[in-house]
Every structure is written in structure tokens, then in C-alpha cells.
């Protein structure tokens, strides 16, 4: 009877001790998955910026006049403002 009680206590303690380890492992796994997801999103945003800059650079390089240069980024107000000329004093 004592052996069965000790065996039962040993089995239960093993189960109880294994549960926190499993929870922390699950938490670590979720944290790692979240990290990988955020990392992938950041890399995707960087790739999008790099692609935009490459297209913009190509457009600027092939521009032959102000109109073509302004057409490279029509959504920016600065391209549509007339350039200020420096006044000589």
C-alpha cells in the first residue's frame, strides 16, 4: 500500500512539475512565433521602401526636364512649388 501511495505521489508530482515547463515552453514558442512574424513584417516594409526608392531613382535619372522630374513624385507638394531664386544684395 505504501508503494502505491509513493508511486501515486511520484507520478502526480511529475505531472505537476511538468505543467509549468510546458506552459513556459508554450509561452516561449508563442513569443518566438510573434518575433518571427514582426521580423517578417519589418523586412517586407524595408523591401517595399527599397523598391520605391529604386523606381524613384530610375525615374529621376531618366527625367530630361522639370515636368518629367515633377512627374516622378506627383503626390509631394514640394515638387509643385516654384523654386525660389536667391536675390543678390
PDB file of N, CA and C in Angstrom:
ATOM      1  N   UNK A   1       0.819  -1.187   0.000  1.00  0.00           N
ATOM      2  CA  UNK A   1       0.000   0.000   0.000  1.00  0.00           C
ATOM      3  C   UNK A   1       0.867   1.257   0.000  1.00  0.00           C
ATOM      4  N   UNK A   2       1.924   1.217   0.777  1.00  0.00           N
ATOM      5  CA  UNK A   2       2.836   2.356   0.854  1.00  0.00           C
ATOM      6  C   UNK A   2       3.526   2.587  -0.497  1.00  0.00           C
ATOM      7  N   UNK A   3       3.855   1.484  -1.192  1.00  0.00           N
ATOM      8  CA  UNK A   3       4.491   1.614  -2.509  1.00  0.00           C
ATOM      9  C   UNK A   3       3.548   2.288  -3.502  1.00  0.00           C
ATOM     10  N   UNK A   4       2.265   1.905  -3.448  1.00  0.00           N
ATOM     11  CA  UNK A   4       1.292   2.503  -4.354  1.00  0.00           C
ATOM     12  C   UNK A   4       1.121   3.989  -4.051  1.00  0.00           C
ATOM     13  N   UNK A   5       1.112   4.331  -2.766  1.00  0.00           N
ATOM     14  CA  UNK A   5       0.958   5.735  -2.380  1.00  0.00           C
ATOM     15  C   UNK A   5       2.165   6.538  -2.842  1.00  0.00           C
ATOM     16  N   UNK A   6       3.364   6.005  -2.631  1.00  0.00           N
ATOM     17  CA  UNK A   6       4.581   6.698  -3.079  1.00  0.00           C
ATOM     18  C   UNK A   6       4.617   6.813  -4.603  1.00  0.00           C
ATOM     19  N   UNK A   7       4.209   5.737  -5.271  1.00  0.00           N
ATOM     20  CA  UNK A   7       4.172   5.770  -6.728  1.00  0.00           C
ATOM     21  C   UNK A   7       3.164   6.810  -7.222  1.00  0.00           C
ATOM     22  N   UNK A   8       1.999   6.880  -6.573  1.00  0.00           N
ATOM     23  CA  UNK A   8       0.985   7.874  -6.933  1.00  0.00           C
ATOM     24  C   UNK A   8       1.482   9.286  -6.717  1.00  0.00           C
ATOM     25  N   UNK A   9       2.135   9.513  -5.563  1.00  0.00           N
ATOM     26  CA  UNK A   9       2.685  10.840  -5.261  1.00  0.00           C
ATOM     27  C   UNK A   9       3.785  11.196  -6.251  1.00  0.00           C
ATOM     28  N   UNK A  10       4.621  10.227  -6.600  1.00  0.00           N
ATOM     29  CA  UNK A  10       5.706  10.482  -7.544  1.00  0.00           C
ATOM     30  C   UNK A  10       5.143  10.827  -8.927  1.00  0.00           C
ATOM     31  N   UNK A  11       4.118  10.080  -9.340  1.00  0.00           N
ATOM     32  CA  UNK A  11       3.514  10.363 -10.641  1.00  0.00           C
ATOM     33  C   UNK A  11       2.843  11.724 -10.654  1.00  0.00           C
ATOM     34  N   UNK A  12       2.099  12.042  -9.594  1.00  0.00           N
ATOM     35  CA  UNK A  12       1.428  13.338  -9.531  1.00  0.00           C
ATOM     36  C   UNK A  12       2.422  14.490  -9.465  1.00  0.00           C
ATOM     37  N   UNK A  13       3.493  14.307  -8.701  1.00  0.00           N
ATOM     38  CA  UNK A  13       4.484  15.382  -8.619  1.00  0.00           C
ATOM     39  C   UNK A  13       5.169  15.578  -9.963  1.00  0.00           C
ATOM     40  N   UNK A  14       5.366  14.476 -10.683  1.00  0.00           N
ATOM     41  CA  UNK A  14       5.950  14.584 -12.013  1.00  0.00           C
ATOM     42  C   UNK A  14       5.042  15.336 -12.963  1.00  0.00           C
ATOM     43  N   UNK A  15       3.739  15.089 -12.880  1.00  0.00           N
ATOM     44  CA  UNK A  15       2.776  15.797 -13.719  1.00  0.00           C
ATOM     45  C   UNK A  15       2.725  17.262 -13.344  1.00  0.00           C
ATOM     46  N   UNK A  16       2.708  17.542 -12.040  1.00  0.00           N
ATOM     47  CA  UNK A  16       2.646  18.920 -11.566  1.00  0.00           C
ATOM     48  C   UNK A  16       3.907  19.677 -11.966  1.00  0.00           C
ATOM     49  N   UNK A  17       5.053  19.038 -11.866  1.00  0.00           N
ATOM     50  CA  UNK A  17       6.299  19.697 -12.238  1.00  0.00           C
ATOM     51  C   UNK A  17       6.411  19.876 -13.749  1.00  0.00           C
ATOM     52  N   UNK A  18       5.789  18.999 -14.515  1.00  0.00           N
ATOM     53  CA  UNK A  18       5.888  19.088 -15.966  1.00  0.00           C
ATOM     54  C   UNK A  18       4.996  20.194 -16.532  1.00  0.00           C
ATOM     55  N   UNK A  19       3.922  20.530 -15.851  1.00  0.00           N
ATOM     56  CA  UNK A  19       2.984  21.526 -16.365  1.00  0.00           C
ATOM     57  C   UNK A  19       3.613  22.907 -16.504  1.00  0.00           C
ATOM     58  N   UNK A  20       4.295  23.450 -15.481  1.00  0.00           N
ATOM     59  CA  UNK A  20       4.904  24.775 -15.665  1.00  0.00           C
ATOM     60  C   UNK A  20       5.945  24.799 -16.788  1.00  0.00           C
ATOM     61  N   UNK A  21       6.672  23.720 -16.929  1.00  0.00           N
ATOM     62  CA  UNK A  21       7.653  23.664 -18.001  1.00  0.00           C
ATOM     63  C   UNK A  21       6.956  23.734 -19.352  1.00  0.00           C
ATOM     64  N   UNK A  22       5.846  23.034 -19.490  1.00  0.00           N
ATOM     65  CA  UNK A  22       5.103  23.057 -20.735  1.00  0.00           C
ATOM     66  C   UNK A  22       4.531  24.443 -21.009  1.00  0.00           C
ATOM     67  N   UNK A  23       4.027  25.102 -19.959  1.00  0.00           N
ATOM     68  CA  UNK A  23       3.482  26.445 -20.114  1.00  0.00           C
ATOM     69  C   UNK A  23       4.564  27.425 -20.531  1.00  0.00           C
ATOM     70  N   UNK A  24       5.716  27.350 -19.908  1.00  0.00           N
ATOM     71  CA  UNK A  24       6.799  28.264 -20.277  1.00  0.00           C
ATOM     72  C   UNK A  24       7.291  27.954 -21.690  1.00  0.00           C
ATOM     73  N   UNK A  25       7.301  26.664 -22.050  1.00  0.00           N
ATOM     74  CA  UNK A  25       7.707  26.307 -23.401  1.00  0.00           C
ATOM     75  C   UNK A  25       6.700  26.849 -24.409  1.00  0.00           C
ATOM     76  N   UNK A  26       5.423  26.735 -24.100  1.00  0.00           N
ATOM     77  CA  UNK A  26       4.397  27.268 -24.976  1.00  0.00           C
ATOM     78  C   UNK A  26       4.523  28.778 -25.088  1.00  0.00           C
ATOM     79  N   UNK A  27       4.768  29.428 -23.977  1.00  0.00           N
ATOM     80  CA  UNK A  27       4.935  30.885 -23.967  1.00  0.00           C
ATOM     81  C   UNK A  27       6.145  31.287 -24.798  1.00  0.00           C
ATOM     82  N   UNK A  28       7.230  30.531 -24.647  1.00  0.00           N
ATOM     83  CA  UNK A  28       8.430  30.828 -25.433  1.00  0.00           C
ATOM     84  C   UNK A  28       8.180  30.593 -26.920  1.00  0.00           C
ATOM     85  N   UNK A  29       7.423  29.538 -27.232  1.00  0.00           N
ATOM     86  CA  UNK A  29       7.111  29.248 -28.625  1.00  0.00           C
ATOM     87  C   UNK A  29       6.264  30.368 -29.225  1.00  0.00           C
ATOM     88  N   UNK A  30       5.250  30.820 -28.483  1.00  0.00           N
ATOM     89  CA  UNK A  30       4.422  31.917 -28.969  1.00  0.00           C
ATOM     90  C   UNK A  30       5.234  33.192 -29.133  1.00  0.00           C
ATOM     91  N   UNK A  31       6.126  33.447 -28.181  1.00  0.00           N
ATOM     92  CA  UNK A  31       6.972  34.634 -28.267  1.00  0.00           C
ATOM     93  C   UNK A  31       7.876  34.551 -29.496  1.00  0.00           C
ATOM     94  N   UNK A  32       8.404  33.355 -29.763  1.00  0.00           N
ATOM     95  CA  UNK A  32       9.272  33.176 -30.931  1.00  0.00           C
ATOM     96  C   UNK A  32       8.468  33.355 -32.223  1.00  0.00           C
ATOM     97  N   UNK A  33       7.234  32.815 -32.259  1.00  0.00           N
ATOM     98  CA  UNK A  33       6.395  32.969 -33.443  1.00  0.00           C
ATOM     99  C   UNK A  33       6.065  34.440 -33.682  1.00  0.00           C
ATOM    100  N   UNK A  34       5.758  35.166 -32.610  1.00  0.00           N
ATOM    101  CA  UNK A  34       5.458  36.590 -32.733  1.00  0.00           C
ATOM    102  C   UNK A  34       6.691  37.350 -33.228  1.00  0.00           C
ATOM    103  N   UNK A  35       7.850  37.007 -32.678  1.00  0.00           N
ATOM    104  CA  UNK A  35       9.090  37.633 -33.113  1.00  0.00           C
ATOM    105  C   UNK A  35       9.299  37.419 -34.616  1.00  0.00           C
ATOM    106  N   UNK A  36       9.116  36.183 -35.077  1.00  0.00           N
ATOM    107  CA  UNK A  36       9.302  35.879 -36.491  1.00  0.00           C
ATOM    108  C   UNK A  36       8.296  36.642 -37.357  1.00  0.00           C
ATOM    109  N   UNK A  37       7.057  36.761 -36.873  1.00  0.00           N
ATOM    110  CA  UNK A  37       6.032  37.498 -37.617  1.00  0.00           C
ATOM    111  C   UNK A  37       6.395  38.984 -37.732  1.00  0.00           C
ATOM    112  N   UNK A  38       6.812  39.582 -36.622  1.00  0.00           N
ATOM    113  CA  UNK A  38       7.184  41.004 -36.634  1.00  0.00           C
ATOM    114  C   UNK A  38       8.415  41.218 -37.504  1.00  0.00           C
ATOM    115  N   UNK A  39       9.363  40.325 -37.411  1.00  0.00           N
ATOM    116  CA  UNK A  39      10.581  40.408 -38.223  1.00  0.00           C
ATOM    117  C   UNK A  39      10.241  40.344 -39.712  1.00  0.00           C
ATOM    118  N   UNK A  40       9.335  39.440 -40.088  1.00  0.00           N
ATOM    119  CA  UNK A  40       8.927  39.317 -41.492  1.00  0.00           C
ATOM    120  C   UNK A  40       8.224  40.585 -41.966  1.00  0.00           C
ATOM    121  N   UNK A  41       7.377  41.189 -41.114  1.00  0.00           N
ATOM    122  CA  UNK A  41       6.701  42.432 -41.487  1.00  0.00           C
ATOM    123  C   UNK A  41       7.706  43.560 -41.689  1.00  0.00           C
ATOM    124  N   UNK A  42       8.694  43.664 -40.810  1.00  0.00           N
ATOM    125  CA  UNK A  42       9.703  44.714 -40.931  1.00  0.00           C
ATOM    126  C   UNK A  42      10.501  44.539 -42.216  1.00  0.00           C
ATOM    127  N   UNK A  43      10.896  43.301 -42.503  1.00  0.00           N
ATOM    128  CA  UNK A  43      11.648  43.033 -43.735  1.00  0.00           C
ATOM    129  C   UNK A  43      10.803  43.370 -44.954  1.00  0.00           C
ATOM    130  N   UNK A  44       9.511  43.049 -44.898  1.00  0.00           N
ATOM    131  CA  UNK A  44       8.605  43.379 -46.003  1.00  0.00           C
ATOM    132  C   UNK A  44       8.526  44.892 -46.204  1.00  0.00           C
ATOM    133  N   UNK A  45       8.409  45.652 -45.120  1.00  0.00           N
ATOM    134  CA  UNK A  45       8.355  47.116 -45.242  1.00  0.00           C
ATOM    135  C   UNK A  45       9.658  47.673 -45.804  1.00  0.00           C
ATOM    136  N   UNK A  46      10.780  47.128 -45.371  1.00  0.00           N
ATOM    137  CA  UNK A  46      12.074  47.586 -45.885  1.00  0.00           C
ATOM    138  C   UNK A  46      12.174  47.293 -47.380  1.00  0.00           C
ATOM    139  N   UNK A  47      11.745  46.094 -47.794  1.00  0.00           N
ATOM    140  CA  UNK A  47      11.769  45.748 -49.214  1.00  0.00           C
ATOM    141  C   UNK A  47      10.889  46.686 -50.032  1.00  0.00           C
ATOM    142  N   UNK A  48       9.718  47.036 -49.500  1.00  0.00           N
ATOM    143  CA  UNK A  48       8.832  47.964 -50.207  1.00  0.00           C
ATOM    144  C   UNK A  48       9.487  49.333 -50.358  1.00  0.00           C
ATOM    145  N   UNK A  49      10.145  49.810 -49.300  1.00  0.00           N
ATOM    146  CA  UNK A  49      10.833  51.108 -49.381  1.00  0.00           C
ATOM    147  C   UNK A  49      11.962  51.066 -50.389  1.00  0.00           C
ATOM    148  N   UNK A  50      12.741  49.985 -50.369  1.00  0.00           N
ATOM    149  CA  UNK A  50      13.861  49.851 -51.306  1.00  0.00           C
ATOM    150  C   UNK A  50      13.335  49.846 -52.739  1.00  0.00           C
ATOM    151  N   UNK A  51      12.252  49.111 -52.991  1.00  0.00           N
ATOM    152  CA  UNK A  51      11.664  49.086 -54.341  1.00  0.00           C
ATOM    153  C   UNK A  51      11.190  50.469 -54.752  1.00  0.00           C
ATOM    154  N   UNK A  52      10.528  51.186 -53.836  1.00  0.00           N
ATOM    155  CA  UNK A  52      10.074  52.540 -54.140  1.00  0.00           C
ATOM    156  C   UNK A  52      11.256  53.438 -54.488  1.00  0.00           C
ATOM    157  N   UNK A  53      12.304  53.375 -53.683  1.00  0.00           N
ATOM    158  CA  UNK A  53      13.469  54.229 -53.923  1.00  0.00           C
ATOM    159  C   UNK A  53      14.160  53.876 -55.239  1.00  0.00           C
ATOM    160  N   UNK A  54      14.226  52.591 -55.579  1.00  0.00           N
ATOM    161  CA  UNK A  54      14.830  52.206 -56.858  1.00  0.00           C
ATOM    162  C   UNK A  54      14.013  52.735 -58.030  1.00  0.00           C
ATOM    163  N   UNK A  55      12.675  52.625 -57.947  1.00  0.00           N
ATOM    164  CA  UNK A  55      11.822  53.157 -59.018  1.00  0.00           C
ATOM    165  C   UNK A  55      11.949  54.675 -59.107  1.00  0.00           C
ATOM    166  N   UNK A  56      11.979  55.335 -57.954  1.00  0.00           N
ATOM    167  CA  UNK A  56      12.096  56.787 -57.934  1.00  0.00           C
ATOM    168  C   UNK A  56      13.437  57.226 -58.525  1.00  0.00           C
ATOM    169  N   UNK A  57      14.486  56.536 -58.152  1.00  0.00           N
ATOM    170  CA  UNK A  57      15.812  56.876 -58.676  1.00  0.00           C
ATOM    171  C   UNK A  57      15.842  56.717 -60.201  1.00  0.00           C
ATOM    172  N   UNK A  58      15.274  55.629 -60.710  1.00  0.00           N
ATOM    173  CA  UNK A  58      15.247  55.407 -62.158  1.00  0.00           C
ATOM    174  C   UNK A  58      14.458  56.507 -62.851  1.00  0.00           C
ATOM    175  N   UNK A  59      13.344  56.913 -62.262  1.00  0.00           N
ATOM    176  CA  UNK A  59      12.527  57.977 -62.845  1.00  0.00           C
ATOM    177  C   UNK A  59      13.305  59.290 -62.874  1.00  0.00           C
ATOM    178  N   UNK A  60      13.975  59.621 -61.784  1.00  0.00           N
ATOM    179  CA  UNK A  60      14.741  60.872 -61.709  1.00  0.00           C
ATOM    180  C   UNK A  60      15.906  60.834 -62.694  1.00  0.00           C
ATOM    181  N   UNK A  61      16.565  59.712 -62.807  1.00  0.00           N
ATOM    182  CA  UNK A  61      17.705  59.615 -63.720  1.00  0.00           C
ATOM    183  C   UNK A  61      17.287  59.782 -65.180  1.00  0.00           C
ATOM    184  N   UNK A  62      16.113  59.291 -65.547  1.00  0.00           N
ATOM    185  CA  UNK A  62      15.711  59.412 -66.943  1.00  0.00           C
ATOM    186  C   UNK A  62      14.976  60.719 -67.239  1.00  0.00           C
ATOM    187  N   UNK A  63      14.674  61.524 -66.216  1.00  0.00           N
ATOM    188  CA  UNK A  63      13.987  62.807 -66.438  1.00  0.00           C
ATOM    189  C   UNK A  63      14.887  63.748 -67.230  1.00  0.00           C
ATOM    190  N   UNK A  64      14.291  64.387 -68.230  1.00  0.00           N
ATOM    191  CA  UNK A  64      15.036  65.309 -69.078  1.00  0.00           C
ATOM    192  C   UNK A  64      14.687  66.767 -68.823  1.00  0.00           C
ATOM    193  N   UNK A  65      13.597  67.014 -68.096  1.00  0.00           N
ATOM    194  CA  UNK A  65      13.202  68.388 -67.815  1.00  0.00           C
ATOM    195  C   UNK A  65      12.432  68.426 -66.484  1.00  0.00           C
ATOM    196  N   UNK A  66      12.022  69.654 -66.083  1.00  0.00           N
ATOM    197  CA  UNK A  66      11.341  69.833 -64.802  1.00  0.00           C
ATOM    198  C   UNK A  66      10.015  69.093 -64.756  1.00  0.00           C
ATOM    199  N   UNK A  67       9.294  69.092 -65.858  1.00  0.00           N
ATOM    200  CA  UNK A  67       7.987  68.439 -65.883  1.00  0.00           C
ATOM    201  C   UNK A  67       8.128  66.939 -65.623  1.00  0.00           C
ATOM    202  N   UNK A  68       9.076  66.310 -66.271  1.00  0.00           N
ATOM    203  CA  UNK A  68       9.315  64.883 -66.062  1.00  0.00           C
ATOM    204  C   UNK A  68       9.807  64.605 -64.647  1.00  0.00           C
ATOM    205  N   UNK A  69      10.617  65.514 -64.115  1.00  0.00           N
ATOM    206  CA  UNK A  69      11.114  65.348 -62.755  1.00  0.00           C
ATOM    207  C   UNK A  69       9.972  65.446 -61.748  1.00  0.00           C
ATOM    208  N   UNK A  70       9.075  66.411 -61.952  1.00  0.00           N
ATOM    209  CA  UNK A  70       7.913  66.547 -61.067  1.00  0.00           C
ATOM    210  C   UNK A  70       6.995  65.335 -61.173  1.00  0.00           C
ATOM    211  N   UNK A  71       6.925  64.735 -62.345  1.00  0.00           N
ATOM    212  CA  UNK A  71       6.058  63.575 -62.550  1.00  0.00           C
ATOM    213  C   UNK A  71       6.538  62.344 -61.777  1.00  0.00           C
ATOM    214  N   UNK A  72       7.788  62.351 -61.361  1.00  0.00           N
ATOM    215  CA  UNK A  72       8.306  61.205 -60.612  1.00  0.00           C
ATOM    216  C   UNK A  72       7.626  61.057 -59.254  1.00  0.00           C
ATOM    217  N   UNK A  73       7.256  62.171 -58.640  1.00  0.00           N
ATOM    218  CA  UNK A  73       6.571  62.117 -57.352  1.00  0.00           C
ATOM    219  C   UNK A  73       5.472  63.162 -57.312  1.00  0.00           C
ATOM    220  N   UNK A  74       4.376  62.900 -57.959  1.00  0.00           N
ATOM    221  CA  UNK A  74       3.321  63.912 -58.045  1.00  0.00           C
ATOM    222  C   UNK A  74       2.614  64.186 -56.730  1.00  0.00           C
ATOM    223  N   UNK A  75       2.692  63.288 -55.764  1.00  0.00           N
ATOM    224  CA  UNK A  75       1.978  63.492 -54.510  1.00  0.00           C
ATOM    225  C   UNK A  75       2.726  64.374 -53.525  1.00  0.00           C
ATOM    226  N   UNK A  76       3.926  64.740 -53.815  1.00  0.00           N
ATOM    227  CA  UNK A  76       4.686  65.623 -52.930  1.00  0.00           C
ATOM    228  C   UNK A  76       4.479  67.072 -53.346  1.00  0.00           C
ATOM    229  N   UNK A  77       4.097  67.901 -52.400  1.00  0.00           N
ATOM    230  CA  UNK A  77       3.835  69.309 -52.700  1.00  0.00           C
ATOM    231  C   UNK A  77       5.105  70.052 -53.108  1.00  0.00           C
ATOM    232  N   UNK A  78       6.227  69.669 -52.531  1.00  0.00           N
ATOM    233  CA  UNK A  78       7.453  70.416 -52.789  1.00  0.00           C
ATOM    234  C   UNK A  78       7.827  70.417 -54.267  1.00  0.00           C
ATOM    235  N   UNK A  79       7.422  69.397 -55.018  1.00  0.00           N
ATOM    236  CA  UNK A  79       7.770  69.336 -56.425  1.00  0.00           C
ATOM    237  C   UNK A  79       6.940  70.309 -57.245  1.00  0.00           C
ATOM    238  N   UNK A  80       5.828  70.765 -56.697  1.00  0.00           N
ATOM    239  CA  UNK A  80       4.950  71.650 -57.452  1.00  0.00           C
ATOM    240  C   UNK A  80       5.128  73.127 -57.102  1.00  0.00           C
ATOM    241  N   UNK A  81       5.932  73.407 -56.111  1.00  0.00           N
ATOM    242  CA  UNK A  81       6.191  74.803 -55.754  1.00  0.00           C
ATOM    243  C   UNK A  81       7.262  75.357 -56.691  1.00  0.00           C
ATOM    244  N   UNK A  82       7.109  76.595 -57.098  1.00  0.00           N
ATOM    245  CA  UNK A  82       8.181  77.187 -57.922  1.00  0.00           C
ATOM    246  C   UNK A  82       9.439  77.353 -57.074  1.00  0.00           C
ATOM    247  N   UNK A  83      10.572  77.196 -57.711  1.00  0.00           N
ATOM    248  CA  UNK A  83      11.830  77.324 -56.979  1.00  0.00           C
ATOM    249  C   UNK A  83      12.093  78.790 -56.671  1.00  0.00           C
ATOM    250  N   UNK A  84      12.550  79.049 -55.476  1.00  0.00           N
ATOM    251  CA  UNK A  84      12.888  80.421 -55.095  1.00  0.00           C
ATOM    252  C   UNK A  84      14.263  80.742 -55.644  1.00  0.00           C
ATOM    253  N   UNK A  85      14.382  81.921 -56.158  1.00  0.00           N
ATOM    254  CA  UNK A  85      15.686  82.370 -56.652  1.00  0.00           C
ATOM    255  C   UNK A  85      16.315  83.239 -55.599  1.00  0.00           C
ATOM    256  N   UNK A  86      17.591  83.069 -55.436  1.00  0.00           N
ATOM    257  CA  UNK A  86      18.309  83.865 -54.449  1.00  0.00           C
ATOM    258  C   UNK A  86      18.490  85.274 -54.994  1.00  0.00           C
ATOM    259  N   UNK A  87      18.151  86.222 -54.165  1.00  0.00           N
ATOM    260  CA  UNK A  87      18.307  87.619 -54.573  1.00  0.00           C
ATOM    261  C   UNK A  87      19.714  88.070 -54.229  1.00  0.00           C
ATOM    262  N   UNK A  88      20.315  88.765 -55.144  1.00  0.00           N
ATOM    263  CA  UNK A  88      21.636  89.337 -54.872  1.00  0.00           C
ATOM    264  C   UNK A  88      21.458  90.678 -54.210  1.00  0.00           C
ATOM    265  N   UNK A  89      22.258  90.911 -53.195  1.00  0.00           N
ATOM    266  CA  UNK A  89      22.177  92.186 -52.477  1.00  0.00           C
ATOM    267  C   UNK A  89      23.242  93.146 -52.940  1.00  0.00           C
TER     268      UNK A  89
END
